[in-house]
C-alpha atoms as a PDB file:
ATOM      1  CA  MET A   1       8.831  57.299  -3.874  1.00  0.00           C
ATOM      2  CA  THR A   2       5.801  55.449  -4.545  1.00  0.00           C
ATOM      3  CA  ILE A   3       4.510  53.747  -7.707  1.00  0.00           C
ATOM      4  CA  THR A   4       1.169  53.517  -9.023  1.00  0.00           C
ATOM      5  CA  ILE A   5      -0.586  50.211  -9.662  1.00  0.00           C
ATOM      6  CA  GLU A   6      -0.424  50.836 -13.343  1.00  0.00           C
ATOM      7  CA  GLU A   7       3.446  51.275 -13.156  1.00  0.00           C
ATOM      8  CA  HIS A   8       3.997  48.272 -10.800  1.00  0.00           C
ATOM      9  CA  LEU A   9       1.853  46.223 -13.539  1.00  0.00           C
ATOM     10  CA  LYS A  10       3.987  47.486 -16.224  1.00  0.00           C
ATOM     11  CA  GLN A  11       7.082  46.184 -14.145  1.00  0.00           C
ATOM     12  CA  LEU A  12       5.374  42.812 -13.686  1.00  0.00           C
ATOM     13  CA  ILE A  13       4.385  42.563 -17.544  1.00  0.00           C
ATOM     14  CA  ASN A  14       7.982  43.218 -18.545  1.00  0.00           C
ATOM     15  CA  LYS A  15       9.611  40.834 -15.937  1.00  0.00           C
ATOM     16  CA  LYS A  16       7.135  38.238 -17.274  1.00  0.00           C
ATOM     17  CA  GLU A  17       8.189  39.067 -20.882  1.00  0.00           C
ATOM     18  CA  GLU A  18      12.134  38.526 -19.564  1.00  0.00           C
ATOM     19  CA  TRP A  19      11.394  35.192 -18.165  1.00  0.00           C
ATOM     20  CA  GLN A  20       9.461  34.271 -21.506  1.00  0.00           C
ATOM     21  CA  THR A  21      12.506  34.940 -23.617  1.00  0.00           C
ATOM     22  CA  TYR A  22      15.118  32.999 -20.959  1.00  0.00           C
ATOM     23  CA  GLU A  23      16.268  29.926 -22.646  1.00  0.00           C
ATOM     24  CA  PRO A  24      16.745  27.176 -19.815  1.00  0.00           C
ATOM     25  CA  ILE A  25      19.840  25.345 -19.722  1.00  0.00           C
ATOM     26  CA  ASN A  26      18.907  22.373 -17.802  1.00  0.00           C
ATOM     27  CA  THR A  27      15.698  20.866 -16.403  1.00  0.00           C
ATOM     28  CA  ALA A  28      15.724  22.807 -12.998  1.00  0.00           C
ATOM     29  CA  ALA A  29      16.213  26.018 -14.602  1.00  0.00           C
ATOM     30  CA  GLU A  30      13.177  25.242 -16.928  1.00  0.00           C
ATOM     31  CA  MET A  31      11.089  24.383 -13.611  1.00  0.00           C
ATOM     32  CA  MET A  32      12.403  27.728 -12.490  1.00  0.00           C
ATOM     33  CA  LYS A  33      11.341  29.561 -15.466  1.00  0.00           C
ATOM     34  CA  ASP A  34       7.786  28.006 -15.473  1.00  0.00           C
ATOM     35  CA  GLN A  35       7.395  28.878 -11.618  1.00  0.00           C
ATOM     36  CA  LYS A  36       8.502  32.284 -12.552  1.00  0.00           C
ATOM     37  CA  LEU A  37       6.086  32.686 -15.235  1.00  0.00           C
ATOM     38  CA  GLN A  38       3.354  31.372 -13.135  1.00  0.00           C
ATOM     39  CA  GLU A  39       4.220  33.652 -10.232  1.00  0.00           C
ATOM     40  CA  TYR A  40       4.330  36.803 -12.623  1.00  0.00           C
ATOM     41  CA  GLU A  41       0.914  35.746 -14.159  1.00  0.00           C
ATOM     42  CA  ARG A  42      -0.803  35.554 -10.842  1.00  0.00           C
ATOM     43  CA  ALA A  43       0.498  38.953  -9.669  1.00  0.00           C
ATOM     44  CA  ILE A  44      -0.526  40.431 -13.035  1.00  0.00           C
ATOM     45  CA  GLN A  45      -3.950  38.997 -12.747  1.00  0.00           C
ATOM     46  CA  ARG A  46      -4.199  40.341  -8.917  1.00  0.00           C
ATOM     47  CA  LEU A  47      -3.446  43.974 -10.020  1.00  0.00           C
ATOM     48  CA  GLN A  48      -5.732  43.653 -12.950  1.00  0.00           C
ATOM     49  CA  THR A  49      -8.736  42.808 -10.762  1.00  0.00           C
ATOM     50  CA  GLN A  50      -8.101  45.659  -8.248  1.00  0.00           C
END
C-alpha cells in the first residue's frame, strides 16, 4: 500500500503534535523531545516544498 504525500504529511504533523504534548521526566528526555520536534519540523517543511 502506497501513501500519498498528503497522507504522509498528515502523519508527520500528528507525530509532531504527540511530541509537543510529551512531558519530559529528565534532561535527557527533554533533549530527545527537542530533537524529535526538530526532525519532524524539517520533514514537514521538506514535504511542503515538494
